[in-house]
């Protein structure tokens, strides 16, 4: 069973927006460090960025997969394809973070690293849009429909 904030569209959206905003800010800091040829600073920021994606976005993804997504498929079997697509987004993000870690292990942070970050941001933005507009919006409609039916029939 998923936690209540994962099922509430506004709360869930706030979680996504905060993590994405932080990631974009870190990307800008990293880009400036690379442009200023400050490799030591760039390496530190890159390490913080990886930690950010692992501790914020990917931990959140794990919670979604273990709770929300299972609940949604159980309650709405027709959503299985969408849930599989959202899980694939998480897998892609995990793979890109792995590529970032490999690059960082070589103590090499350059514009290619920025491209990986931008890829993560694009995937995350599209993923968040699909969750809000398809997964959670559908669940909200279902909740409202069920609640209206309960009021109508006195359940």
N, C-alpha and C. Protein backbone atom coordinates (compact mmCIF):
# COMPACT_ATOMS: atom_id res chain seq x y z
N UNK A 1 0.85 -1.18 0.00
CA UNK A 1 0.00 0.00 0.00
C UNK A 1 0.89 1.24 0.00
N UNK A 2 0.52 2.24 -0.80
CA UNK A 2 1.32 3.45 -0.91
C UNK A 2 0.91 4.47 0.13
N UNK A 3 1.86 5.36 0.44
CA UNK A 3 1.58 6.43 1.37
C UNK A 3 0.59 7.41 0.77
N UNK A 4 -0.14 8.13 1.62
CA UNK A 4 -1.20 9.00 1.12
C UNK A 4 -0.70 10.12 0.21
N UNK A 5 0.50 10.67 0.46
CA UNK A 5 0.96 11.78 -0.38
C UNK A 5 1.26 11.33 -1.80
N UNK A 6 1.56 10.05 -2.01
CA UNK A 6 1.80 9.57 -3.37
C UNK A 6 0.51 9.52 -4.18
N UNK A 7 -0.62 9.37 -3.51
CA UNK A 7 -1.91 9.28 -4.22
C UNK A 7 -2.60 10.63 -4.38
N UNK A 8 -2.13 11.65 -3.65
CA UNK A 8 -2.74 12.97 -3.75
C UNK A 8 -2.00 13.77 -4.81
N UNK A 9 -2.71 14.16 -5.84
CA UNK A 9 -2.10 14.76 -7.02
C UNK A 9 -1.28 16.01 -6.67
N UNK A 10 -1.83 16.92 -5.87
CA UNK A 10 -1.12 18.15 -5.55
C UNK A 10 0.16 17.88 -4.74
N UNK A 11 0.06 17.03 -3.74
CA UNK A 11 1.23 16.71 -2.92
C UNK A 11 2.29 15.99 -3.75
N UNK A 12 1.85 15.07 -4.57
CA UNK A 12 2.77 14.31 -5.41
C UNK A 12 3.46 15.23 -6.40
N UNK A 13 2.71 16.13 -6.99
CA UNK A 13 3.26 17.09 -7.93
C UNK A 13 4.30 17.97 -7.25
N UNK A 14 4.05 18.37 -6.02
CA UNK A 14 5.00 19.21 -5.27
C UNK A 14 6.31 18.49 -5.04
N UNK A 15 6.24 17.20 -4.75
CA UNK A 15 7.46 16.40 -4.56
C UNK A 15 8.28 16.42 -5.84
N UNK A 16 7.62 16.17 -6.97
CA UNK A 16 8.30 16.15 -8.26
C UNK A 16 8.91 17.50 -8.59
N UNK A 17 8.13 18.55 -8.43
CA UNK A 17 8.58 19.89 -8.80
C UNK A 17 9.79 20.33 -7.98
N UNK A 18 9.79 20.04 -6.70
CA UNK A 18 10.91 20.44 -5.83
C UNK A 18 12.19 19.72 -6.25
N UNK A 19 12.11 18.43 -6.47
CA UNK A 19 13.30 17.67 -6.86
C UNK A 19 13.82 18.12 -8.22
N UNK A 20 12.92 18.38 -9.14
CA UNK A 20 13.32 18.81 -10.48
C UNK A 20 13.94 20.20 -10.44
N UNK A 21 13.37 21.10 -9.67
CA UNK A 21 13.92 22.45 -9.53
C UNK A 21 15.35 22.39 -8.99
N UNK A 22 15.56 21.58 -7.96
CA UNK A 22 16.90 21.43 -7.38
C UNK A 22 17.87 20.87 -8.41
N UNK A 23 17.43 19.90 -9.19
CA UNK A 23 18.30 19.30 -10.21
C UNK A 23 18.69 20.33 -11.26
N UNK A 24 17.75 21.16 -11.67
CA UNK A 24 18.05 22.19 -12.67
C UNK A 24 19.03 23.22 -12.10
N UNK A 25 18.85 23.60 -10.86
CA UNK A 25 19.78 24.55 -10.22
C UNK A 25 21.18 23.96 -10.13
N UNK A 26 21.28 22.70 -9.74
CA UNK A 26 22.60 22.05 -9.67
C UNK A 26 23.24 21.97 -11.06
N UNK A 27 22.42 21.71 -12.08
CA UNK A 27 22.96 21.66 -13.45
C UNK A 27 23.56 23.00 -13.84
N UNK A 28 22.88 24.09 -13.50
CA UNK A 28 23.40 25.42 -13.82
C UNK A 28 24.73 25.68 -13.09
N UNK A 29 24.80 25.30 -11.83
CA UNK A 29 26.06 25.46 -11.08
C UNK A 29 27.19 24.65 -11.72
N UNK A 30 26.88 23.43 -12.10
CA UNK A 30 27.88 22.57 -12.72
C UNK A 30 28.33 23.14 -14.06
N UNK A 31 27.39 23.63 -14.84
CA UNK A 31 27.71 24.20 -16.14
C UNK A 31 28.65 25.41 -15.99
N UNK A 32 28.36 26.26 -15.02
CA UNK A 32 29.23 27.42 -14.78
C UNK A 32 30.63 26.98 -14.37
N UNK A 33 30.71 25.95 -13.53
CA UNK A 33 32.03 25.45 -13.09
C UNK A 33 32.83 24.91 -14.28
N UNK A 34 32.16 24.21 -15.16
CA UNK A 34 32.84 23.67 -16.35
C UNK A 34 33.29 24.82 -17.24
N UNK A 35 32.43 25.79 -17.47
CA UNK A 35 32.78 26.94 -18.31
C UNK A 35 33.93 27.74 -17.72
N UNK A 36 34.02 27.79 -16.38
CA UNK A 36 35.10 28.52 -15.70
C UNK A 36 36.35 27.67 -15.56
N UNK A 37 36.33 26.46 -16.10
CA UNK A 37 37.46 25.53 -16.02
C UNK A 37 37.85 25.22 -14.58
N UNK A 38 36.85 25.18 -13.70
CA UNK A 38 37.07 24.85 -12.30
C UNK A 38 36.73 23.36 -12.10
N UNK A 39 37.67 22.49 -12.50
CA UNK A 39 37.41 21.05 -12.52
C UNK A 39 37.15 20.49 -11.12
N UNK A 40 37.90 20.95 -10.11
CA UNK A 40 37.67 20.44 -8.75
C UNK A 40 36.26 20.76 -8.26
N UNK A 41 35.82 21.98 -8.50
CA UNK A 41 34.47 22.38 -8.12
C UNK A 41 33.44 21.58 -8.93
N UNK A 42 33.71 21.40 -10.21
CA UNK A 42 32.79 20.65 -11.07
C UNK A 42 32.66 19.21 -10.57
N UNK A 43 33.76 18.60 -10.17
CA UNK A 43 33.71 17.23 -9.64
C UNK A 43 32.87 17.15 -8.37
N UNK A 44 33.02 18.14 -7.50
CA UNK A 44 32.23 18.17 -6.27
C UNK A 44 30.74 18.31 -6.58
N UNK A 45 30.41 19.22 -7.48
CA UNK A 45 29.00 19.44 -7.83
C UNK A 45 28.43 18.20 -8.51
N UNK A 46 29.21 17.57 -9.37
CA UNK A 46 28.76 16.35 -10.06
C UNK A 46 28.44 15.26 -9.03
N UNK A 47 29.27 15.14 -8.02
CA UNK A 47 29.04 14.15 -6.96
C UNK A 47 27.75 14.48 -6.21
N UNK A 48 27.54 15.75 -5.90
CA UNK A 48 26.31 16.18 -5.23
C UNK A 48 25.10 15.90 -6.12
N UNK A 49 25.27 16.14 -7.42
CA UNK A 49 24.16 15.92 -8.36
C UNK A 49 23.76 14.44 -8.39
N UNK A 50 24.74 13.56 -8.43
CA UNK A 50 24.43 12.11 -8.42
C UNK A 50 23.71 11.74 -7.14
N UNK A 51 24.21 12.25 -6.03
CA UNK A 51 23.56 11.97 -4.74
C UNK A 51 22.14 12.50 -4.74
N UNK A 52 21.94 13.66 -5.32
CA UNK A 52 20.60 14.25 -5.41
C UNK A 52 19.65 13.33 -6.18
N UNK A 53 20.06 12.87 -7.37
CA UNK A 53 19.19 12.01 -8.17
C UNK A 53 18.91 10.69 -7.46
N UNK A 54 19.93 10.14 -6.79
CA UNK A 54 19.73 8.87 -6.10
C UNK A 54 18.83 9.03 -4.87
N UNK A 55 19.05 10.08 -4.08
CA UNK A 55 18.33 10.21 -2.82
C UNK A 55 16.96 10.85 -2.98
N UNK A 56 16.75 11.63 -4.00
CA UNK A 56 15.46 12.29 -4.18
C UNK A 56 14.61 11.56 -5.23
N UNK A 57 15.00 11.68 -6.46
CA UNK A 57 14.16 11.18 -7.55
C UNK A 57 14.09 9.66 -7.58
N UNK A 58 15.23 8.99 -7.48
CA UNK A 58 15.21 7.53 -7.59
C UNK A 58 14.65 6.86 -6.34
N UNK A 59 14.83 7.44 -5.17
CA UNK A 59 14.17 6.91 -3.96
C UNK A 59 12.66 7.08 -4.07
N UNK A 60 12.24 8.21 -4.58
CA UNK A 60 10.82 8.45 -4.80
C UNK A 60 10.27 7.44 -5.81
N UNK A 61 11.04 7.19 -6.86
CA UNK A 61 10.64 6.21 -7.89
C UNK A 61 10.47 4.83 -7.26
N UNK A 62 11.39 4.47 -6.40
CA UNK A 62 11.31 3.17 -5.72
C UNK A 62 10.02 3.07 -4.90
N UNK A 63 9.68 4.13 -4.19
CA UNK A 63 8.45 4.14 -3.39
C UNK A 63 7.22 4.02 -4.29
N UNK A 64 7.27 4.69 -5.43
CA UNK A 64 6.14 4.58 -6.37
C UNK A 64 5.98 3.14 -6.85
N UNK A 65 7.08 2.53 -7.22
CA UNK A 65 7.03 1.17 -7.76
C UNK A 65 6.58 0.15 -6.72
N UNK A 66 7.01 0.34 -5.47
CA UNK A 66 6.68 -0.63 -4.43
C UNK A 66 5.26 -0.44 -3.88
N UNK A 67 4.71 0.76 -4.03
CA UNK A 67 3.39 1.01 -3.46
C UNK A 67 2.38 1.50 -4.47
N UNK A 68 2.52 2.76 -4.85
CA UNK A 68 1.53 3.39 -5.71
C UNK A 68 1.23 2.60 -6.98
N UNK A 69 2.27 2.21 -7.71
CA UNK A 69 2.04 1.53 -8.99
C UNK A 69 1.34 0.18 -8.80
N UNK A 70 1.74 -0.56 -7.79
CA UNK A 70 1.07 -1.84 -7.52
C UNK A 70 -0.39 -1.61 -7.15
N UNK A 71 -0.63 -0.59 -6.33
CA UNK A 71 -2.01 -0.27 -5.94
C UNK A 71 -2.85 0.13 -7.15
N UNK A 72 -2.26 0.94 -8.01
CA UNK A 72 -3.00 1.42 -9.18
C UNK A 72 -3.38 0.27 -10.11
N UNK A 73 -2.44 -0.63 -10.36
CA UNK A 73 -2.73 -1.77 -11.24
C UNK A 73 -3.76 -2.68 -10.59
N UNK A 74 -3.68 -2.87 -9.29
CA UNK A 74 -4.67 -3.69 -8.59
C UNK A 74 -6.06 -3.06 -8.70
N UNK A 75 -6.14 -1.74 -8.48
CA UNK A 75 -7.43 -1.05 -8.49
C UNK A 75 -7.93 -0.72 -9.89
N UNK A 76 -6.99 -0.58 -10.84
CA UNK A 76 -7.33 -0.18 -12.21
C UNK A 76 -6.48 -1.01 -13.18
N UNK A 77 -6.84 -2.26 -13.41
CA UNK A 77 -6.03 -3.14 -14.26
C UNK A 77 -5.74 -2.58 -15.66
N UNK A 78 -6.62 -1.74 -16.17
CA UNK A 78 -6.40 -1.15 -17.50
C UNK A 78 -5.20 -0.20 -17.52
N UNK A 79 -4.67 0.15 -16.37
CA UNK A 79 -3.53 1.07 -16.29
C UNK A 79 -2.18 0.36 -16.29
N UNK A 80 -2.19 -0.95 -16.44
CA UNK A 80 -0.93 -1.70 -16.39
C UNK A 80 0.07 -1.22 -17.43
N UNK A 81 -0.37 -0.95 -18.65
CA UNK A 81 0.55 -0.49 -19.69
C UNK A 81 1.19 0.84 -19.29
N UNK A 82 0.39 1.77 -18.79
CA UNK A 82 0.92 3.07 -18.35
C UNK A 82 1.92 2.88 -17.22
N UNK A 83 1.60 2.04 -16.26
CA UNK A 83 2.51 1.77 -15.14
C UNK A 83 3.82 1.18 -15.65
N UNK A 84 3.74 0.28 -16.62
CA UNK A 84 4.96 -0.28 -17.21
C UNK A 84 5.79 0.81 -17.88
N UNK A 85 5.13 1.74 -18.55
CA UNK A 85 5.86 2.84 -19.20
C UNK A 85 6.52 3.75 -18.15
N UNK A 86 5.81 4.03 -17.08
CA UNK A 86 6.38 4.87 -16.02
C UNK A 86 7.56 4.18 -15.35
N UNK A 87 7.44 2.88 -15.15
CA UNK A 87 8.55 2.10 -14.57
C UNK A 87 9.75 2.12 -15.51
N UNK A 88 9.50 2.04 -16.81
CA UNK A 88 10.59 2.12 -17.79
C UNK A 88 11.30 3.48 -17.68
N UNK A 89 10.55 4.54 -17.47
CA UNK A 89 11.17 5.86 -17.25
C UNK A 89 12.15 5.79 -16.08
N UNK A 90 11.72 5.18 -15.00
CA UNK A 90 12.59 5.04 -13.82
C UNK A 90 13.85 4.26 -14.18
N UNK A 91 13.67 3.18 -14.94
CA UNK A 91 14.82 2.36 -15.34
C UNK A 91 15.81 3.18 -16.18
N UNK A 92 15.29 3.99 -17.09
CA UNK A 92 16.16 4.84 -17.91
C UNK A 92 16.92 5.83 -17.03
N UNK A 93 16.23 6.41 -16.06
CA UNK A 93 16.90 7.35 -15.16
C UNK A 93 17.99 6.65 -14.35
N UNK A 94 17.71 5.45 -13.89
CA UNK A 94 18.73 4.70 -13.14
C UNK A 94 19.96 4.43 -14.02
N UNK A 95 19.73 4.06 -15.27
CA UNK A 95 20.84 3.78 -16.18
C UNK A 95 21.67 5.03 -16.46
N UNK A 96 21.01 6.16 -16.63
CA UNK A 96 21.74 7.41 -16.89
C UNK A 96 22.53 7.81 -15.65
N UNK A 97 21.96 7.67 -14.47
CA UNK A 97 22.73 7.96 -13.25
C UNK A 97 23.93 7.04 -13.16
N UNK A 98 23.78 5.78 -13.55
CA UNK A 98 24.92 4.86 -13.59
C UNK A 98 26.01 5.35 -14.54
N UNK A 99 25.61 5.88 -15.67
CA UNK A 99 26.58 6.44 -16.62
C UNK A 99 27.28 7.65 -16.02
N UNK A 100 26.54 8.46 -15.29
CA UNK A 100 27.13 9.63 -14.62
C UNK A 100 28.16 9.18 -13.58
N UNK A 101 27.83 8.14 -12.84
CA UNK A 101 28.76 7.63 -11.83
C UNK A 101 30.04 7.11 -12.48
N UNK A 102 29.88 6.41 -13.61
CA UNK A 102 31.04 5.89 -14.33
C UNK A 102 31.93 7.04 -14.81
N UNK A 103 31.32 8.07 -15.35
CA UNK A 103 32.08 9.24 -15.81
C UNK A 103 32.80 9.90 -14.64
N UNK A 104 32.09 10.07 -13.54
CA UNK A 104 32.69 10.71 -12.37
C UNK A 104 33.83 9.87 -11.81
N UNK A 105 33.73 8.55 -11.88
CA UNK A 105 34.81 7.69 -11.37
C UNK A 105 36.11 7.90 -12.14
N UNK A 106 36.00 8.40 -13.35
CA UNK A 106 37.19 8.72 -14.15
C UNK A 106 37.65 10.16 -13.92
N UNK A 107 37.02 10.82 -12.94
CA UNK A 107 37.30 12.22 -12.61
C UNK A 107 37.27 13.10 -13.84
N UNK A 108 36.22 12.88 -14.62
CA UNK A 108 36.03 13.62 -15.86
C UNK A 108 34.60 14.15 -15.90
N UNK A 109 34.48 15.45 -15.78
CA UNK A 109 33.18 16.09 -15.87
C UNK A 109 33.29 17.17 -16.94
N UNK A 110 32.49 16.98 -18.01
CA UNK A 110 32.54 17.92 -19.13
C UNK A 110 31.13 18.14 -19.67
N UNK A 111 31.04 18.69 -20.85
CA UNK A 111 29.72 18.96 -21.44
C UNK A 111 28.95 17.67 -21.71
N UNK A 112 29.64 16.55 -21.90
CA UNK A 112 28.96 15.26 -22.04
C UNK A 112 28.19 14.90 -20.78
N UNK A 113 28.76 15.24 -19.64
CA UNK A 113 28.09 15.01 -18.35
C UNK A 113 26.83 15.86 -18.27
N UNK A 114 26.93 17.10 -18.74
CA UNK A 114 25.77 17.99 -18.77
C UNK A 114 24.67 17.40 -19.65
N UNK A 115 25.06 16.78 -20.77
CA UNK A 115 24.08 16.14 -21.65
C UNK A 115 23.33 15.03 -20.93
N UNK A 116 24.04 14.26 -20.11
CA UNK A 116 23.38 13.21 -19.34
C UNK A 116 22.36 13.81 -18.37
N UNK A 117 22.75 14.90 -17.72
CA UNK A 117 21.84 15.56 -16.79
C UNK A 117 20.61 16.08 -17.53
N UNK A 118 20.83 16.71 -18.67
CA UNK A 118 19.71 17.22 -19.45
C UNK A 118 18.78 16.09 -19.89
N UNK A 119 19.35 14.94 -20.21
CA UNK A 119 18.53 13.77 -20.56
C UNK A 119 17.67 13.35 -19.38
N UNK A 120 18.26 13.32 -18.20
CA UNK A 120 17.51 12.98 -16.99
C UNK A 120 16.35 13.96 -16.77
N UNK A 121 16.65 15.22 -16.93
CA UNK A 121 15.64 16.25 -16.70
C UNK A 121 14.48 16.09 -17.68
N UNK A 122 14.78 15.85 -18.95
CA UNK A 122 13.73 15.68 -19.96
C UNK A 122 12.88 14.45 -19.64
N UNK A 123 13.53 13.34 -19.34
CA UNK A 123 12.78 12.12 -19.00
C UNK A 123 11.90 12.37 -17.78
N UNK A 124 12.46 13.02 -16.78
CA UNK A 124 11.71 13.27 -15.55
C UNK A 124 10.53 14.20 -15.80
N UNK A 125 10.71 15.24 -16.60
CA UNK A 125 9.61 16.15 -16.90
C UNK A 125 8.46 15.41 -17.61
N UNK A 126 8.80 14.62 -18.62
CA UNK A 126 7.77 13.86 -19.34
C UNK A 126 7.09 12.84 -18.43
N UNK A 127 7.89 12.17 -17.62
CA UNK A 127 7.39 11.19 -16.66
C UNK A 127 6.40 11.85 -15.69
N UNK A 128 6.80 12.98 -15.14
CA UNK A 128 5.94 13.68 -14.17
C UNK A 128 4.62 14.10 -14.82
N UNK A 129 4.70 14.57 -16.05
CA UNK A 129 3.50 14.96 -16.78
C UNK A 129 2.56 13.77 -16.95
N UNK A 130 3.10 12.61 -17.32
CA UNK A 130 2.28 11.42 -17.50
C UNK A 130 1.66 10.96 -16.18
N UNK A 131 2.45 11.02 -15.10
CA UNK A 131 1.89 10.63 -13.80
C UNK A 131 0.74 11.54 -13.40
N UNK A 132 0.92 12.84 -13.55
CA UNK A 132 -0.10 13.79 -13.11
C UNK A 132 -1.33 13.73 -14.02
N UNK A 133 -1.12 13.70 -15.33
CA UNK A 133 -2.23 13.83 -16.27
C UNK A 133 -2.91 12.52 -16.62
N UNK A 134 -2.23 11.40 -16.42
CA UNK A 134 -2.83 10.12 -16.78
C UNK A 134 -3.06 9.22 -15.58
N UNK A 135 -2.02 9.00 -14.80
CA UNK A 135 -2.14 8.05 -13.69
C UNK A 135 -2.97 8.62 -12.54
N UNK A 136 -2.52 9.74 -11.98
CA UNK A 136 -3.20 10.28 -10.80
C UNK A 136 -4.51 10.97 -11.14
N UNK A 137 -4.61 11.58 -12.30
CA UNK A 137 -5.87 12.19 -12.71
C UNK A 137 -6.94 11.12 -12.86
N UNK A 138 -6.55 9.96 -13.41
CA UNK A 138 -7.48 8.85 -13.58
C UNK A 138 -7.92 8.32 -12.22
N UNK A 139 -6.95 8.21 -11.31
CA UNK A 139 -7.28 7.71 -9.96
C UNK A 139 -8.19 8.69 -9.24
N UNK A 140 -7.95 9.99 -9.42
CA UNK A 140 -8.78 11.01 -8.78
C UNK A 140 -10.20 10.92 -9.31
N UNK A 141 -10.35 10.78 -10.65
CA UNK A 141 -11.68 10.64 -11.24
C UNK A 141 -12.38 9.40 -10.67
N UNK A 142 -11.63 8.32 -10.57
CA UNK A 142 -12.20 7.08 -10.05
C UNK A 142 -12.66 7.27 -8.60
N UNK A 143 -11.83 7.94 -7.81
CA UNK A 143 -12.19 8.20 -6.42
C UNK A 143 -13.47 9.04 -6.35
N UNK A 144 -13.52 10.10 -7.17
CA UNK A 144 -14.70 10.97 -7.16
C UNK A 144 -15.93 10.22 -7.64
N UNK A 145 -15.78 9.41 -8.68
CA UNK A 145 -16.90 8.61 -9.18
C UNK A 145 -17.41 7.66 -8.09
N UNK A 146 -16.49 6.98 -7.42
CA UNK A 146 -16.88 6.05 -6.36
C UNK A 146 -17.55 6.78 -5.20
N UNK A 147 -16.99 7.95 -4.84
CA UNK A 147 -17.56 8.72 -3.74
C UNK A 147 -18.96 9.19 -4.10
N UNK A 148 -19.17 9.67 -5.33
CA UNK A 148 -20.49 10.11 -5.78
C UNK A 148 -21.47 8.95 -5.75
N UNK A 149 -21.02 7.78 -6.18
CA UNK A 149 -21.88 6.58 -6.17
C UNK A 149 -22.26 6.23 -4.74
N UNK A 150 -21.29 6.33 -3.80
CA UNK A 150 -21.59 6.05 -2.40
C UNK A 150 -22.64 7.00 -1.86
N UNK A 151 -22.53 8.29 -2.23
CA UNK A 151 -23.52 9.25 -1.76
C UNK A 151 -24.89 8.97 -2.36
N UNK A 152 -24.90 8.60 -3.64
CA UNK A 152 -26.16 8.35 -4.34
C UNK A 152 -26.89 7.11 -3.79
N UNK A 153 -26.10 6.05 -3.52
CA UNK A 153 -26.70 4.78 -3.10
C UNK A 153 -26.58 4.52 -1.60
N UNK A 154 -26.02 5.49 -0.87
CA UNK A 154 -25.98 5.38 0.57
C UNK A 154 -25.04 4.36 1.13
N UNK A 155 -23.91 4.11 0.49
CA UNK A 155 -22.93 3.14 1.02
C UNK A 155 -22.09 3.76 2.10
